[in-house]
mmCIF file of all heavy atoms, coordinates in Angstrom:
data_MODEL
# 
_entry.id   MODEL 
# 
loop_
_atom_site.group_PDB 
_atom_site.id 
_atom_site.type_symbol 
_atom_site.label_atom_id 
_atom_site.label_alt_id 
_atom_site.label_comp_id 
_atom_site.label_asym_id 
_atom_site.label_entity_id 
_atom_site.label_seq_id 
_atom_site.pdbx_PDB_ins_code 
_atom_site.Cartn_x 
_atom_site.Cartn_y 
_atom_site.Cartn_z 
_atom_site.occupancy 
_atom_site.B_iso_or_equiv 
_atom_site.pdbx_formal_charge 
_atom_site.auth_seq_id 
_atom_site.auth_comp_id 
_atom_site.auth_asym_id 
_atom_site.auth_atom_id 
_atom_site.pdbx_PDB_model_num 
ATOM 1   N N   . MET A 1 1  ? -28.121 102.909 66.758 1.00 0.00 ? 1  MET A N   1 
ATOM 2   C CA  . MET A 1 1  ? -27.193 103.704 67.548 1.00 0.00 ? 1  MET A CA  1 
ATOM 3   C C   . MET A 1 1  ? -27.658 105.149 67.685 1.00 0.00 ? 1  MET A C   1 
ATOM 4   O O   . MET A 1 1  ? -27.578 105.747 68.764 1.00 0.00 ? 1  MET A O   1 
ATOM 5   C CB  . MET A 1 1  ? -25.804 103.674 66.900 1.00 0.00 ? 1  MET A CB  1 
ATOM 6   C CG  . MET A 1 1  ? -25.021 102.396 67.132 1.00 0.00 ? 1  MET A CG  1 
ATOM 7   S SD  . MET A 1 1  ? -24.524 102.207 68.861 1.00 0.00 ? 1  MET A SD  1 
ATOM 8   C CE  . MET A 1 1  ? -23.462 103.621 69.066 1.00 0.00 ? 1  MET A CE  1 
ATOM 9   N N   . ALA A 1 2  ? -28.149 105.715 66.588 1.00 0.00 ? 2  ALA A N   1 
ATOM 10  C CA  . ALA A 1 2  ? -28.648 107.095 66.624 1.00 0.00 ? 2  ALA A CA  1 
ATOM 11  C C   . ALA A 1 2  ? -29.821 107.217 67.588 1.00 0.00 ? 2  ALA A C   1 
ATOM 12  O O   . ALA A 1 2  ? -29.952 108.214 68.310 1.00 0.00 ? 2  ALA A O   1 
ATOM 13  C CB  . ALA A 1 2  ? -29.063 107.529 65.220 1.00 0.00 ? 2  ALA A CB  1 
ATOM 14  N N   . HIS A 1 3  ? -30.673 106.187 67.613 1.00 0.00 ? 3  HIS A N   1 
ATOM 15  C CA  . HIS A 1 3  ? -31.813 106.189 68.536 1.00 0.00 ? 3  HIS A CA  1 
ATOM 16  C C   . HIS A 1 3  ? -31.316 106.146 69.983 1.00 0.00 ? 3  HIS A C   1 
ATOM 17  O O   . HIS A 1 3  ? -31.830 106.875 70.846 1.00 0.00 ? 3  HIS A O   1 
ATOM 18  C CB  . HIS A 1 3  ? -32.710 104.984 68.244 1.00 0.00 ? 3  HIS A CB  1 
ATOM 19  C CG  . HIS A 1 3  ? -33.918 104.911 69.121 1.00 0.00 ? 3  HIS A CG  1 
ATOM 20  N ND1 . HIS A 1 3  ? -35.058 105.649 68.878 1.00 0.00 ? 3  HIS A ND1 1 
ATOM 21  C CD2 . HIS A 1 3  ? -34.168 104.191 70.254 1.00 0.00 ? 3  HIS A CD2 1 
ATOM 22  C CE1 . HIS A 1 3  ? -35.949 105.391 69.805 1.00 0.00 ? 3  HIS A CE1 1 
ATOM 23  N NE2 . HIS A 1 3  ? -35.441 104.509 70.651 1.00 0.00 ? 3  HIS A NE2 1 
ATOM 24  N N   . MET A 1 4  ? -30.325 105.323 70.243 1.00 0.00 ? 4  MET A N   1 
ATOM 25  C CA  . MET A 1 4  ? -29.764 105.258 71.600 1.00 0.00 ? 4  MET A CA  1 
ATOM 26  C C   . MET A 1 4  ? -29.169 106.596 72.015 1.00 0.00 ? 4  MET A C   1 
ATOM 27  O O   . MET A 1 4  ? -29.358 107.061 73.143 1.00 0.00 ? 4  MET A O   1 
ATOM 28  C CB  . MET A 1 4  ? -28.678 104.181 71.668 1.00 0.00 ? 4  MET A CB  1 
ATOM 29  C CG  . MET A 1 4  ? -29.172 102.751 71.618 1.00 0.00 ? 4  MET A CG  1 
ATOM 30  S SD  . MET A 1 4  ? -27.752 101.628 71.826 1.00 0.00 ? 4  MET A SD  1 
ATOM 31  C CE  . MET A 1 4  ? -28.552 100.028 71.669 1.00 0.00 ? 4  MET A CE  1 
ATOM 32  N N   . GLN A 1 5  ? -28.417 107.216 71.104 1.00 0.00 ? 5  GLN A N   1 
ATOM 33  C CA  . GLN A 1 5  ? -27.782 108.494 71.404 1.00 0.00 ? 5  GLN A CA  1 
ATOM 34  C C   . GLN A 1 5  ? -28.805 109.580 71.703 1.00 0.00 ? 5  GLN A C   1 
ATOM 35  O O   . GLN A 1 5  ? -28.581 110.449 72.552 1.00 0.00 ? 5  GLN A O   1 
ATOM 36  C CB  . GLN A 1 5  ? -26.895 108.926 70.228 1.00 0.00 ? 5  GLN A CB  1 
ATOM 37  C CG  . GLN A 1 5  ? -25.676 108.061 69.993 1.00 0.00 ? 5  GLN A CG  1 
ATOM 38  C CD  . GLN A 1 5  ? -24.550 108.347 70.973 1.00 0.00 ? 5  GLN A CD  1 
ATOM 39  O OE1 . GLN A 1 5  ? -24.668 109.225 71.828 1.00 0.00 ? 5  GLN A OE1 1 
ATOM 40  N NE2 . GLN A 1 5  ? -23.463 107.611 70.859 1.00 0.00 ? 5  GLN A NE2 1 
ATOM 41  N N   . ALA A 1 6  ? -29.941 109.527 71.008 1.00 0.00 ? 6  ALA A N   1 
ATOM 42  C CA  . ALA A 1 6  ? -30.972 110.558 71.173 1.00 0.00 ? 6  ALA A CA  1 
ATOM 43  C C   . ALA A 1 6  ? -31.875 110.303 72.377 1.00 0.00 ? 6  ALA A C   1 
ATOM 44  O O   . ALA A 1 6  ? -32.468 111.247 72.918 1.00 0.00 ? 6  ALA A O   1 
ATOM 45  C CB  . ALA A 1 6  ? -31.821 110.649 69.906 1.00 0.00 ? 6  ALA A CB  1 
ATOM 46  N N   . HIS A 1 7  ? -31.982 109.035 72.814 1.00 0.00 ? 7  HIS A N   1 
ATOM 47  C CA  . HIS A 1 7  ? -32.966 108.695 73.846 1.00 0.00 ? 7  HIS A CA  1 
ATOM 48  C C   . HIS A 1 7  ? -32.373 107.922 75.018 1.00 0.00 ? 7  HIS A C   1 
ATOM 49  O O   . HIS A 1 7  ? -33.107 107.231 75.728 1.00 0.00 ? 7  HIS A O   1 
ATOM 50  C CB  . HIS A 1 7  ? -34.095 107.865 73.217 1.00 0.00 ? 7  HIS A CB  1 
ATOM 51  C CG  . HIS A 1 7  ? -34.800 108.552 72.089 1.00 0.00 ? 7  HIS A CG  1 
ATOM 52  N ND1 . HIS A 1 7  ? -35.772 109.529 72.287 1.00 0.00 ? 7  HIS A ND1 1 
ATOM 53  C CD2 . HIS A 1 7  ? -34.671 108.426 70.737 1.00 0.00 ? 7  HIS A CD2 1 
ATOM 54  C CE1 . HIS A 1 7  ? -36.220 109.954 71.121 1.00 0.00 ? 7  HIS A CE1 1 
ATOM 55  N NE2 . HIS A 1 7  ? -35.566 109.304 70.162 1.00 0.00 ? 7  HIS A NE2 1 
ATOM 56  N N   . TYR A 1 8  ? -31.053 108.051 75.255 1.00 0.00 ? 8  TYR A N   1 
ATOM 57  C CA  . TYR A 1 8  ? -30.424 107.244 76.310 1.00 0.00 ? 8  TYR A CA  1 
ATOM 58  C C   . TYR A 1 8  ? -30.995 107.538 77.705 1.00 0.00 ? 8  TYR A C   1 
ATOM 59  O O   . TYR A 1 8  ? -30.886 106.718 78.615 1.00 0.00 ? 8  TYR A O   1 
ATOM 60  C CB  . TYR A 1 8  ? -28.908 107.438 76.319 1.00 0.00 ? 8  TYR A CB  1 
ATOM 61  C CG  . TYR A 1 8  ? -28.445 108.852 76.602 1.00 0.00 ? 8  TYR A CG  1 
ATOM 62  C CD1 . TYR A 1 8  ? -28.374 109.344 77.907 1.00 0.00 ? 8  TYR A CD1 1 
ATOM 63  C CD2 . TYR A 1 8  ? -28.045 109.693 75.562 1.00 0.00 ? 8  TYR A CD2 1 
ATOM 64  C CE1 . TYR A 1 8  ? -27.939 110.634 78.167 1.00 0.00 ? 8  TYR A CE1 1 
ATOM 65  C CE2 . TYR A 1 8  ? -27.606 110.975 75.807 1.00 0.00 ? 8  TYR A CE2 1 
ATOM 66  C CZ  . TYR A 1 8  ? -27.548 111.445 77.106 1.00 0.00 ? 8  TYR A CZ  1 
ATOM 67  O OH  . TYR A 1 8  ? -27.120 112.712 77.358 1.00 0.00 ? 8  TYR A OH  1 
ATOM 68  N N   . GLY A 1 9  ? -31.603 108.704 77.879 1.00 0.00 ? 9  GLY A N   1 
ATOM 69  C CA  . GLY A 1 9  ? -32.179 109.050 79.172 1.00 0.00 ? 9  GLY A CA  1 
ATOM 70  C C   . GLY A 1 9  ? -33.528 108.413 79.425 1.00 0.00 ? 9  GLY A C   1 
ATOM 71  O O   . GLY A 1 9  ? -34.072 108.513 80.537 1.00 0.00 ? 9  GLY A O   1 
ATOM 72  N N   . GLU A 1 10 ? -34.062 107.743 78.418 1.00 0.00 ? 10 GLU A N   1 
ATOM 73  C CA  . GLU A 1 10 ? -35.378 107.120 78.523 1.00 0.00 ? 10 GLU A CA  1 
ATOM 74  C C   . GLU A 1 10 ? -35.246 105.604 78.667 1.00 0.00 ? 10 GLU A C   1 
ATOM 75  O O   . GLU A 1 10 ? -34.162 105.044 78.522 1.00 0.00 ? 10 GLU A O   1 
ATOM 76  C CB  . GLU A 1 10 ? -36.193 107.450 77.260 1.00 0.00 ? 10 GLU A CB  1 
ATOM 77  C CG  . GLU A 1 10 ? -36.278 108.940 76.961 1.00 0.00 ? 10 GLU A CG  1 
ATOM 78  C CD  . GLU A 1 10 ? -36.832 109.207 75.563 1.00 0.00 ? 10 GLU A CD  1 
ATOM 79  O OE1 . GLU A 1 10 ? -37.402 108.267 74.957 1.00 0.00 ? 10 GLU A OE1 1 
ATOM 80  O OE2 . GLU A 1 10 ? -36.665 110.336 75.079 1.00 0.00 ? 10 GLU A OE2 1 
ATOM 81  N N   . THR A 1 11 ? -36.371 104.952 78.950 1.00 0.00 ? 11 THR A N   1 
ATOM 82  C CA  . THR A 1 11 ? -36.389 103.495 78.969 1.00 0.00 ? 11 THR A CA  1 
ATOM 83  C C   . THR A 1 11 ? -36.325 102.993 77.532 1.00 0.00 ? 11 THR A C   1 
ATOM 84  O O   . THR A 1 11 ? -37.157 103.362 76.698 1.00 0.00 ? 11 THR A O   1 
ATOM 85  C CB  . THR A 1 11 ? -37.670 102.969 79.637 1.00 0.00 ? 11 THR A CB  1 
ATOM 86  O OG1 . THR A 1 11 ? -37.702 103.425 80.998 1.00 0.00 ? 11 THR A OG1 1 
ATOM 87  C CG2 . THR A 1 11 ? -37.699 101.441 79.623 1.00 0.00 ? 11 THR A CG2 1 
ATOM 88  N N   . ILE A 1 12 ? -35.337 102.182 77.233 1.00 0.00 ? 12 ILE A N   1 
ATOM 89  C CA  . ILE A 1 12 ? -35.153 101.648 75.878 1.00 0.00 ? 12 ILE A CA  1 
ATOM 90  C C   . ILE A 1 12 ? -35.190 100.127 75.963 1.00 0.00 ? 12 ILE A C   1 
ATOM 91  O O   . ILE A 1 12 ? -34.390 99.524  76.690 1.00 0.00 ? 12 ILE A O   1 
ATOM 92  C CB  . ILE A 1 12 ? -33.820 102.113 75.261 1.00 0.00 ? 12 ILE A CB  1 
ATOM 93  C CG1 . ILE A 1 12 ? -33.801 103.635 75.114 1.00 0.00 ? 12 ILE A CG1 1 
ATOM 94  C CG2 . ILE A 1 12 ? -33.586 101.440 73.910 1.00 0.00 ? 12 ILE A CG2 1 
ATOM 95  C CD1 . ILE A 1 12 ? -32.507 104.183 74.533 1.00 0.00 ? 12 ILE A CD1 1 
ATOM 96  N N   . ARG A 1 13 ? -36.084 99.522  75.225 1.00 0.00 ? 13 ARG A N   1 
ATOM 97  C CA  . ARG A 1 13 ? -36.219 98.063  75.243 1.00 0.00 ? 13 ARG A CA  1 
ATOM 98  C C   . ARG A 1 13 ? -35.607 97.468  73.981 1.00 0.00 ? 13 ARG A C   1 
ATOM 99  O O   . ARG A 1 13 ? -35.678 98.041  72.893 1.00 0.00 ? 13 ARG A O   1 
ATOM 100 C CB  . ARG A 1 13 ? -37.688 97.672  75.367 1.00 0.00 ? 13 ARG A CB  1 
ATOM 101 C CG  . ARG A 1 13 ? -38.365 98.273  76.597 1.00 0.00 ? 13 ARG A CG  1 
ATOM 102 C CD  . ARG A 1 13 ? -39.732 97.664  76.862 1.00 0.00 ? 13 ARG A CD  1 
ATOM 103 N NE  . ARG A 1 13 ? -40.379 98.336  77.975 1.00 0.00 ? 13 ARG A NE  1 
ATOM 104 C CZ  . ARG A 1 13 ? -40.086 98.121  79.264 1.00 0.00 ? 13 ARG A CZ  1 
ATOM 105 N NH1 . ARG A 1 13 ? -39.139 97.254  79.567 1.00 0.00 ? 13 ARG A NH1 1 
ATOM 106 N NH2 . ARG A 1 13 ? -40.729 98.774  80.219 1.00 0.00 ? 13 ARG A NH2 1 
ATOM 107 N N   . VAL A 1 14 ? -35.016 96.300  74.148 1.00 0.00 ? 14 VAL A N   1 
ATOM 108 C CA  . VAL A 1 14 ? -34.326 95.666  73.032 1.00 0.00 ? 14 VAL A CA  1 
ATOM 109 C C   . VAL A 1 14 ? -35.285 95.321  71.903 1.00 0.00 ? 14 VAL A C   1 
ATOM 110 O O   . VAL A 1 14 ? -34.914 95.356  70.720 1.00 0.00 ? 14 VAL A O   1 
ATOM 111 C CB  . VAL A 1 14 ? -33.555 94.414  73.506 1.00 0.00 ? 14 VAL A CB  1 
ATOM 112 C CG1 . VAL A 1 14 ? -34.488 93.302  73.932 1.00 0.00 ? 14 VAL A CG1 1 
ATOM 113 C CG2 . VAL A 1 14 ? -32.597 93.929  72.426 1.00 0.00 ? 14 VAL A CG2 1 
ATOM 114 N N   . HIS A 1 15 ? -36.554 95.010  72.227 1.00 0.00 ? 15 HIS A N   1 
ATOM 115 C CA  . HIS A 1 15 ? -37.524 94.714  71.174 1.00 0.00 ? 15 HIS A CA  1 
ATOM 116 C C   . HIS A 1 15 ? -37.761 95.944  70.293 1.00 0.00 ? 15 HIS A C   1 
ATOM 117 O O   . HIS A 1 15 ? -37.926 95.823  69.076 1.00 0.00 ? 15 HIS A O   1 
ATOM 118 C CB  . HIS A 1 15 ? -38.848 94.246  71.788 1.00 0.00 ? 15 HIS A CB  1 
ATOM 119 C CG  . HIS A 1 15 ? -38.788 92.854  72.346 1.00 0.00 ? 15 HIS A CG  1 
ATOM 120 N ND1 . HIS A 1 15 ? -38.359 92.592  73.631 1.00 0.00 ? 15 HIS A ND1 1 
ATOM 121 C CD2 . HIS A 1 15 ? -39.073 91.654  71.776 1.00 0.00 ? 15 HIS A CD2 1 
ATOM 122 C CE1 . HIS A 1 15 ? -38.401 91.284  73.831 1.00 0.00 ? 15 HIS A CE1 1 
ATOM 123 N NE2 . HIS A 1 15 ? -38.825 90.692  72.732 1.00 0.00 ? 15 HIS A NE2 1 
ATOM 124 N N   . THR A 1 16 ? -37.763 97.122  70.911 1.00 0.00 ? 16 THR A N   1 
ATOM 125 C CA  . THR A 1 16 ? -37.938 98.360  70.152 1.00 0.00 ? 16 THR A CA  1 
ATOM 126 C C   . THR A 1 16 ? -36.757 98.571  69.203 1.00 0.00 ? 16 THR A C   1 
ATOM 127 O O   . THR A 1 16 ? -36.938 98.962  68.043 1.00 0.00 ? 16 THR A O   1 
ATOM 128 C CB  . THR A 1 16 ? -38.057 99.558  71.104 1.00 0.00 ? 16 THR A CB  1 
ATOM 129 O OG1 . THR A 1 16 ? -39.155 99.353  71.998 1.00 0.00 ? 16 THR A OG1 1 
ATOM 130 C CG2 . THR A 1 16 ? -38.255 100.857 70.327 1.00 0.00 ? 16 THR A CG2 1 
ATOM 131 N N   . LEU A 1 17 ? -35.555 98.291  69.684 1.00 0.00 ? 17 LEU A N   1 
ATOM 132 C CA  . LEU A 1 17 ? -34.364 98.443  68.860 1.00 0.00 ? 17 LEU A CA  1 
ATOM 133 C C   . LEU A 1 17 ? -34.378 97.456  67.697 1.00 0.00 ? 17 LEU A C   1 
ATOM 134 O O   . LEU A 1 17 ? -33.986 97.795  66.575 1.00 0.00 ? 17 LEU A O   1 
ATOM 135 C CB  . LEU A 1 17 ? -33.108 98.236  69.710 1.00 0.00 ? 17 LEU A CB  1 
ATOM 136 C CG  . LEU A 1 17 ? -32.915 99.198  70.885 1.00 0.00 ? 17 LEU A CG  1 
ATOM 137 C CD1 . LEU A 1 17 ? -31.660 98.827  71.667 1.00 0.00 ? 17 LEU A CD1 1 
ATOM 138 C CD2 . LEU A 1 17 ? -32.840 100.644 70.400 1.00 0.00 ? 17 LEU A CD2 1 
ATOM 139 N N   . ALA A 1 18 ? -34.816 96.233  67.976 1.00 0.00 ? 18 ALA A N   1 
ATOM 140 C CA  . ALA A 1 18 ? -34.878 95.225  66.920 1.00 0.00 ? 18 ALA A CA  1 
ATOM 141 C C   . ALA A 1 18 ? -35.862 95.641  65.835 1.00 0.00 ? 18 ALA A C   1 
ATOM 142 O O   . ALA A 1 18 ? -35.584 95.501  64.631 1.00 0.00 ? 18 ALA A O   1 
ATOM 143 C CB  . ALA A 1 18 ? -35.278 93.876  67.518 1.00 0.00 ? 18 ALA A CB  1 
ATOM 144 N N   . GLU A 1 19 ? -37.010 96.166  66.248 1.00 0.00 ? 19 GLU A N   1 
ATOM 145 C CA  . GLU A 1 19 ? -38.006 96.622  65.268 1.00 0.00 ? 19 GLU A CA  1 
ATOM 146 C C   . GLU A 1 19 ? -37.454 97.771  64.437 1.00 0.00 ? 19 GLU A C   1 
ATOM 147 O O   . GLU A 1 19 ? -37.694 97.855  63.229 1.00 0.00 ? 19 GLU A O   1 
ATOM 148 C CB  . GLU A 1 19 ? -39.281 97.057  65.998 1.00 0.00 ? 19 GLU A CB  1 
ATOM 149 C CG  . GLU A 1 19 ? -40.055 95.901  66.620 1.00 0.00 ? 19 GLU A CG  1 
ATOM 150 C CD  . GLU A 1 19 ? -41.242 96.384  67.427 1.00 0.00 ? 19 GLU A CD  1 
ATOM 151 O OE1 . GLU A 1 19 ? -41.445 97.621  67.511 1.00 0.00 ? 19 GLU A OE1 1 
ATOM 152 O OE2 . GLU A 1 19 ? -41.966 95.536  67.987 1.00 0.00 ? 19 GLU A OE2 1 
ATOM 153 N N   . LEU A 1 20 ? -36.714 98.655  65.083 1.00 0.00 ? 20 LEU A N   1 
ATOM 154 C CA  . LEU A 1 20 ? -36.136 99.797  64.380 1.00 0.00 ? 20 LEU A CA  1 
ATOM 155 C C   . LEU A 1 20 ? -35.158 99.338  63.295 1.00 0.00 ? 20 LEU A C   1 
ATOM 156 O O   . LEU A 1 20 ? -35.064 99.944  62.221 1.00 0.00 ? 20 LEU A O   1 
ATOM 157 C CB  . LEU A 1 20 ? -35.414 100.706 65.380 1.00 0.00 ? 20 LEU A CB  1 
ATOM 158 C CG  . LEU A 1 20 ? -34.874 102.037 64.860 1.00 0.00 ? 20 LEU A CG  1 
ATOM 159 C CD1 . LEU A 1 20 ? -36.007 102.921 64.354 1.00 0.00 ? 20 LEU A CD1 1 
ATOM 160 C CD2 . LEU A 1 20 ? -34.109 102.752 65.966 1.00 0.00 ? 20 LEU A CD2 1 
ATOM 161 N N   . ALA A 1 21 ? -34.453 98.247  63.578 1.00 0.00 ? 21 ALA A N   1 
ATOM 162 C CA  . ALA A 1 21 ? -33.486 97.718  62.618 1.00 0.00 ? 21 ALA A CA  1 
ATOM 163 C C   . ALA A 1 21 ? -34.110 96.745  61.628 1.00 0.00 ? 21 ALA A C   1 
ATOM 164 O O   . ALA A 1 21 ? -33.449 96.326  60.663 1.00 0.00 ? 21 ALA A O   1 
ATOM 165 C CB  . ALA A 1 21 ? -32.354 97.011  63.366 1.00 0.00 ? 21 ALA A CB  1 
ATOM 166 N N   . GLY A 1 22 ? -35.369 96.371  61.849 1.00 0.00 ? 22 GLY A N   1 
ATOM 167 C CA  . GLY A 1 22 ? -36.011 95.389  60.980 1.00 0.00 ? 22 GLY A CA  1 
ATOM 168 C C   . GLY A 1 22 ? -35.431 94.002  61.160 1.00 0.00 ? 22 GLY A C   1 
ATOM 169 O O   . GLY A 1 22 ? -35.323 93.223  60.200 1.00 0.00 ? 22 GLY A O   1 
ATOM 170 N N   . LEU A 1 23 ? -35.048 93.680  62.412 1.00 0.00 ? 23 LEU A N   1 
ATOM 171 C CA  . LEU A 1 23 ? -34.433 92.394  62.725 1.00 0.00 ? 23 LEU A CA  1 
ATOM 172 C C   . LEU A 1 23 ? -35.135 91.754  63.908 1.00 0.00 ? 23 LEU A C   1 
ATOM 173 O O   . LEU A 1 23 ? -35.846 92.432  64.665 1.00 0.00 ? 23 LEU A O   1 
ATOM 174 C CB  . LEU A 1 23 ? -32.949 92.582  63.082 1.00 0.00 ? 23 LEU A CB  1 
ATOM 175 C CG  . LEU A 1 23 ? -32.031 93.205  62.019 1.00 0.00 ? 23 LEU A CG  1 
ATOM 176 C CD1 . LEU A 1 23 ? -30.700 93.595  62.651 1.00 0.00 ? 23 LEU A CD1 1 
ATOM 177 C CD2 . LEU A 1 23 ? -31.814 92.242  60.860 1.00 0.00 ? 23 LEU A CD2 1 
ATOM 178 N N   . SER A 1 24 ? -34.943 90.461  64.066 1.00 0.00 ? 24 SER A N   1 
ATOM 179 C CA  . SER A 1 24 ? -35.409 89.812  65.284 1.00 0.00 ? 24 SER A CA  1 
ATOM 180 C C   . SER A 1 24 ? -34.434 90.166  66.404 1.00 0.00 ? 24 SER A C   1 
ATOM 181 O O   . SER A 1 24 ? -33.316 90.650  66.153 1.00 0.00 ? 24 SER A O   1 
ATOM 182 C CB  . SER A 1 24 ? -35.454 88.294  65.103 1.00 0.00 ? 24 SER A CB  1 
ATOM 183 O OG  . SER A 1 24 ? -34.139 87.764  64.990 1.00 0.00 ? 24 SER A OG  1 
ATOM 184 N N   . VAL A 1 25 ? -34.830 89.934  67.652 1.00 0.00 ? 25 VAL A N   1 
ATOM 185 C CA  . VAL A 1 25 ? -33.942 90.222  68.782 1.00 0.00 ? 25 VAL A CA  1 
ATOM 186 C C   . VAL A 1 25 ? -32.656 89.408  68.669 1.00 0.00 ? 25 VAL A C   1 
ATOM 187 O O   . VAL A 1 25 ? -31.558 89.925  68.892 1.00 0.00 ? 25 VAL A O   1 
ATOM 188 C CB  . VAL A 1 25 ? -34.657 89.929  70.120 1.00 0.00 ? 25 VAL A CB  1 
ATOM 189 C CG1 . VAL A 1 25 ? -33.664 90.003  71.281 1.00 0.00 ? 25 VAL A CG1 1 
ATOM 190 C CG2 . VAL A 1 25 ? -35.803 90.913  70.341 1.00 0.00 ? 25 VAL A CG2 1 
ATOM 191 N N   . ALA A 1 26 ? -32.788 88.138  68.302 1.00 0.00 ? 26 ALA A N   1 
ATOM 192 C CA  . ALA A 1 26 ? -31.607 87.280  68.170 1.00 0.00 ? 26 ALA A CA  1 
ATOM 193 C C   . ALA A 1 26 ? -30.674 87.802  67.074 1.00 0.00 ? 26 ALA A C   1 
ATOM 194 O O   . ALA A 1 26 ? -29.445 87.808  67.233 1.00 0.00 ? 26 ALA A O   1 
ATOM 195 C CB  . ALA A 1 26 ? -32.024 85.848  67.866 1.00 0.00 ? 26 ALA A CB  1 
ATOM 196 N N   . GLN A 1 27 ? -31.246 88.238  65.952 1.00 0.00 ? 27 GLN A N   1 
ATOM 197 C CA  . GLN A 1 27 ? -30.425 88.781  64.859 1.00 0.00 ? 27 GLN A CA  1 
ATOM 198 C C   . GLN A 1 27 ? -29.738 90.072  65.292 1.00 0.00 ? 27 GLN A C   1 
ATOM 199 O O   . GLN A 1 27 ? -28.562 90.302  64.991 1.00 0.00 ? 27 GLN A O   1 
ATOM 200 C CB  . GLN A 1 27 ? -31.299 89.045  63.637 1.00 0.00 ? 27 GLN A CB  1 
ATOM 201 C CG  . GLN A 1 27 ? -31.770 87.796  62.920 1.00 0.00 ? 27 GLN A CG  1 
ATOM 202 C CD  . GLN A 1 27 ? -32.767 88.111  61.817 1.00 0.00 ? 27 GLN A CD  1 
ATOM 203 O OE1 . GLN A 1 27 ? -33.585 89.038  61.937 1.00 0.00 ? 27 GLN A OE1 1 
ATOM 204 N NE2 . GLN A 1 27 ? -32.704 87.353  60.727 1.00 0.00 ? 27 GLN A NE2 1 
ATOM 205 N N   . LEU A 1 28 ? -30.481 90.916  66.010 1.00 0.00 ? 28 LEU A N   1 
ATOM 206 C CA  . LEU A 1 28 ? -29.908 92.177  66.480 1.00 0.00 ? 28 LEU A CA  1 
ATOM 207 C C   . LEU A 1 28 ? -28.710 91.914  67.393 1.00 0.00 ? 28 LEU A C   1 
ATOM 208 O O   . LEU A 1 28 ? -27.652 92.541  67.239 1.00 0.00 ? 28 LEU A O   1 
ATOM 209 C CB  . LEU A 1 28 ? -30.959 92.988  67.236 1.00 0.00 ? 28 LEU A CB  1 
ATOM 210 C CG  . LEU A 1 28 ? -30.507 94.379  67.707 1.00 0.00 ? 28 LEU A CG  1 
ATOM 211 C CD1 . LEU A 1 28 ? -30.415 95.326  66.524 1.00 0.00 ? 28 LEU A CD1 1 
ATOM 212 C CD2 . LEU A 1 28 ? -31.464 94.934  68.767 1.00 0.00 ? 28 LEU A CD2 1 
ATOM 213 N N   . GLU A 1 29 ? -28.879 90.985  68.326 1.00 0.00 ? 29 GLU A N   1 
ATOM 214 C CA  . GLU A 1 29 ? -27.789 90.635  69.236 1.00 0.00 ? 29 GLU A CA  1 
ATOM 215 C C   . GLU A 1 29 ? -26.571 90.145  68.457 1.00 0.00 ? 29 GLU A C   1 
ATOM 216 O O   . GLU A 1 29 ? -25.432 90.569  68.718 1.00 0.00 ? 29 GLU A O   1 
ATOM 217 C CB  . GLU A 1 29 ? -28.255 89.537  70.207 1.00 0.00 ? 29 GLU A CB  1 
ATOM 218 C CG  . GLU A 1 29 ? -29.362 89.961  71.152 1.00 0.00 ? 29 GLU A CG  1 
ATOM 219 C CD  . GLU A 1 29 ? -28.818 90.532  72.450 1.00 0.00 ? 29 GLU A CD  1 
ATOM 220 O OE1 . GLU A 1 29 ? -27.594 90.453  72.669 1.00 0.00 ? 29 GLU A OE1 1 
ATOM 221 O OE2 . GLU A 1 29 ? -29.623 91.052  73.236 1.00 0.00 ? 29 GLU A OE2 1 
# 
């Protein structure tokens, strides 16, 4: 969430978010 808040103006991919959380995409969802 902090990453989204700081970078919402940029292209954000779900794979990047999953890596940030240390989860698979399915787990993140």
